[in-house]
Amino acid sequence: MVSKIIRIILVNVESTPCTFVTNGQQITYGVRGNTIHFRVVLTGIPPTGSGWTAIGFGNSMFSGLDVIVVRVLNGRVIVTDEFVRGFQSPVPDRQNNVQVYGLRYENGVVVASFSRSVFSTEQMDANLSGCSPWKFSVGLNRMSPQGHLFHHSQTPFHRVVCINQCTV
């Protein structure tokens, strides 16, 4: 009986997703198998709100970042797989490696659920195994009416993520 209780406790401790939380924004992420699952929640978005937020993988914009961009555009939520180098708008990857499971924008709340592989076959995508630097954009940043991103209004938060410590 005691070993059964200990085993149950260990399973619960090991299956914990990680989160990034700041000012009305929560990003929950964790790995299952070779897939990283994400859930982005933004609150306090006005009915006519538009803009973007992103999760970047890599050291810096100067060396290049693999990014997953979440756009709110004309009442729709759009998730794309992109790459950026330097101070310019990111460009969509030739192959979209992001699987979208759910998108919602209602009552001032945006929710996007999606996943991508830990290991990528595309040249511009980062390998996310082990520990790697991630960047978290804050809130909705400005963009053009066509959905082109303008520079983030706040420096993204840098965090080294060891994805094997974040499980779902």
Protein backbone atom coordinates (compact mmCIF):
# COMPACT_ATOMS: atom_id res chain seq x y z
CA MET A 1 0.00 0.00 0.00
CA VAL A 2 2.80 2.46 0.91
CA SER A 3 4.70 1.81 -2.34
CA LYS A 4 1.49 2.38 -4.31
CA ILE A 5 0.99 5.76 -2.60
CA ILE A 6 4.62 6.75 -3.25
CA ARG A 7 4.30 5.76 -6.92
CA ILE A 8 1.15 7.90 -7.29
CA ILE A 9 2.88 10.89 -5.67
CA LEU A 10 5.91 10.53 -7.97
CA VAL A 11 3.72 10.43 -11.06
CA ASN A 12 1.94 13.61 -9.96
CA VAL A 13 5.22 15.42 -9.23
CA GLU A 14 6.75 14.43 -12.58
CA SER A 15 3.82 15.61 -14.72
CA THR A 16 3.94 19.35 -14.21
CA PRO A 17 3.73 21.86 -17.06
CA CYS A 18 5.71 25.09 -16.90
CA THR A 19 4.21 28.56 -17.10
CA PHE A 20 5.16 32.10 -17.96
CA VAL A 21 2.81 34.64 -16.36
CA THR A 22 2.78 38.44 -16.56
CA ASN A 23 0.13 41.19 -16.63
CA GLY A 24 -2.89 39.39 -18.09
CA GLN A 25 -0.85 36.86 -20.03
CA GLN A 26 -0.23 33.20 -19.27
CA ILE A 27 1.68 30.73 -21.42
CA THR A 28 1.58 27.13 -20.26
CA TYR A 29 3.85 24.62 -21.96
CA GLY A 30 5.06 21.08 -21.54
CA VAL A 31 6.37 18.09 -23.44
CA ARG A 32 4.64 14.78 -24.04
CA GLY A 33 6.69 12.33 -26.08
CA ASN A 34 8.45 14.38 -28.76
CA THR A 35 5.80 17.11 -28.87
CA ILE A 36 5.68 20.39 -26.94
CA HIS A 37 2.16 21.60 -26.18
CA PHE A 38 1.39 25.29 -25.63
CA ARG A 39 -1.61 27.21 -24.32
CA VAL A 40 -1.48 31.00 -24.61
CA VAL A 41 -4.08 33.06 -22.72
CA LEU A 42 -4.31 36.85 -23.03
CA THR A 43 -6.90 38.78 -21.02
CA GLY A 44 -8.18 42.35 -21.11
CA ILE A 45 -8.17 42.60 -24.92
CA PRO A 46 -10.63 45.25 -26.18
CA PRO A 47 -13.31 44.10 -28.68
CA THR A 48 -11.51 45.84 -31.55
CA GLY A 49 -8.07 44.84 -30.28
CA SER A 50 -5.41 43.67 -32.66
CA GLY A 51 -1.76 42.86 -32.25
CA TRP A 52 0.68 40.05 -31.72
CA THR A 53 2.58 38.11 -29.11
CA ALA A 54 5.18 35.41 -29.63
CA ILE A 55 7.40 32.75 -28.17
CA GLY A 56 10.92 32.82 -29.59
CA PHE A 57 13.53 30.08 -29.48
CA GLY A 58 17.21 30.99 -29.68
CA ASN A 59 19.76 33.40 -28.24
CA SER A 60 18.79 36.69 -29.87
CA MET A 61 17.22 38.43 -32.83
CA PHE A 62 20.74 39.19 -34.08
CA SER A 63 21.65 35.50 -34.36
CA GLY A 64 18.12 34.58 -35.46
CA LEU A 65 15.05 33.32 -33.63
CA ASP A 66 12.61 30.58 -34.48
CA VAL A 67 9.25 32.09 -33.43
CA ILE A 68 5.66 31.02 -32.99
CA VAL A 69 3.53 34.13 -33.48
CA VAL A 70 -0.02 34.53 -32.17
CA ARG A 71 -1.87 37.34 -33.98
CA VAL A 72 -5.23 38.89 -33.18
CA LEU A 73 -6.42 40.38 -36.48
CA ASN A 74 -9.94 41.53 -37.36
CA GLY A 75 -11.48 39.42 -34.60
CA ARG A 76 -9.56 36.28 -35.60
CA VAL A 77 -6.71 34.50 -33.84
CA ILE A 78 -3.94 33.21 -36.12
CA VAL A 79 -0.91 31.11 -35.10
CA THR A 80 2.11 30.91 -37.43
CA ASP A 81 5.58 29.37 -37.52
CA GLU A 82 8.13 32.06 -38.47
CA PHE A 83 11.79 33.10 -38.33
CA VAL A 84 13.35 36.50 -37.60
CA ARG A 85 16.91 37.80 -37.84
CA GLY A 86 17.75 41.37 -36.85
CA PHE A 87 15.27 44.20 -36.37
CA GLN A 88 12.77 43.32 -39.07
CA SER A 89 9.44 41.54 -39.29
CA PRO A 90 9.64 37.76 -39.12
CA VAL A 91 8.93 35.73 -42.24
CA PRO A 92 6.80 32.57 -42.35
CA ASP A 93 8.73 29.32 -42.48
CA ARG A 94 8.54 27.36 -45.72
CA GLN A 95 6.96 24.55 -43.74
CA ASN A 96 4.54 25.29 -40.92
CA ASN A 97 5.50 22.91 -38.11
CA VAL A 98 2.87 24.20 -35.67
CA GLN A 99 -0.29 22.16 -35.13
CA VAL A 100 -3.20 24.33 -33.94
CA TYR A 101 -5.80 22.65 -31.70
CA GLY A 102 -7.99 25.54 -30.68
CA LEU A 103 -8.34 29.31 -31.12
CA ARG A 104 -10.81 31.54 -29.32
CA TYR A 105 -11.36 35.27 -28.90
CA GLU A 106 -14.39 36.30 -26.87
CA ASN A 107 -15.22 38.64 -24.01
CA GLY A 108 -11.73 40.17 -24.07
CA VAL A 109 -9.94 36.82 -23.73
CA VAL A 110 -7.72 35.21 -26.37
CA VAL A 111 -6.90 31.51 -26.03
CA ALA A 112 -4.64 29.64 -28.45
CA SER A 113 -3.71 25.96 -28.04
CA PHE A 114 -1.06 24.49 -30.32
CA SER A 115 1.98 22.22 -30.45
CA ARG A 116 5.22 21.65 -32.29
CA SER A 117 7.84 18.92 -32.36
CA VAL A 118 10.82 19.05 -30.02
CA PHE A 119 12.99 18.05 -32.97
CA SER A 120 12.46 19.88 -36.24
CA THR A 121 13.30 18.88 -39.76
CA GLU A 122 13.23 22.44 -41.07
CA GLN A 123 16.45 24.43 -41.27
CA MET A 124 15.09 27.58 -39.57
CA ASP A 125 13.43 25.76 -36.65
CA ALA A 126 15.25 25.36 -33.36
CA ASN A 127 15.87 21.99 -31.75
CA LEU A 128 14.16 22.32 -28.35
CA SER A 129 15.55 19.24 -26.61
CA GLY A 130 17.49 19.66 -23.39
CA CYS A 131 17.91 23.23 -22.15
CA SER A 132 17.62 26.15 -24.57
CA PRO A 133 16.99 29.91 -24.46
CA TRP A 134 13.37 31.02 -25.00
CA LYS A 135 11.96 34.55 -25.36
CA PHE A 136 8.43 35.49 -24.26
CA SER A 137 6.88 38.62 -25.80
CA VAL A 138 4.61 40.53 -23.46
CA GLY A 139 0.98 41.33 -24.23
CA LEU A 140 -0.30 42.38 -27.64
CA ASN A 141 2.24 44.37 -29.61
CA ARG A 142 1.44 46.68 -32.53
CA MET A 143 1.07 45.43 -36.07
CA SER A 144 -0.17 46.74 -39.40
CA PRO A 145 -3.77 46.18 -40.59
CA GLN A 146 -2.34 43.48 -42.89
CA GLY A 147 -0.78 41.61 -39.95
CA HIS A 148 2.86 42.67 -40.39
CA LEU A 149 4.55 42.88 -37.00
CA PHE A 150 6.01 46.07 -35.62
CA HIS A 151 8.80 45.98 -33.03
CA HIS A 152 7.72 44.73 -29.59
CA SER A 153 6.85 47.50 -27.15
CA GLN A 154 8.66 45.80 -24.26
CA THR A 155 11.83 43.71 -24.27
CA PRO A 156 10.79 40.05 -24.26
CA PHE A 157 11.52 38.02 -21.15
CA HIS A 158 14.47 35.66 -21.55
CA ARG A 159 14.30 32.27 -19.89
CA VAL A 160 16.40 29.13 -20.25
CA VAL A 161 13.87 26.30 -20.53
CA CYS A 162 14.81 22.70 -19.82
CA ILE A 163 11.83 21.16 -21.56
CA ASN A 164 12.21 17.74 -19.90
CA GLN A 165 11.27 19.49 -16.63
CA CYS A 166 7.97 20.67 -18.17
CA THR A 167 5.63 17.77 -18.87
CA VAL A 168 1.95 17.36 -19.69
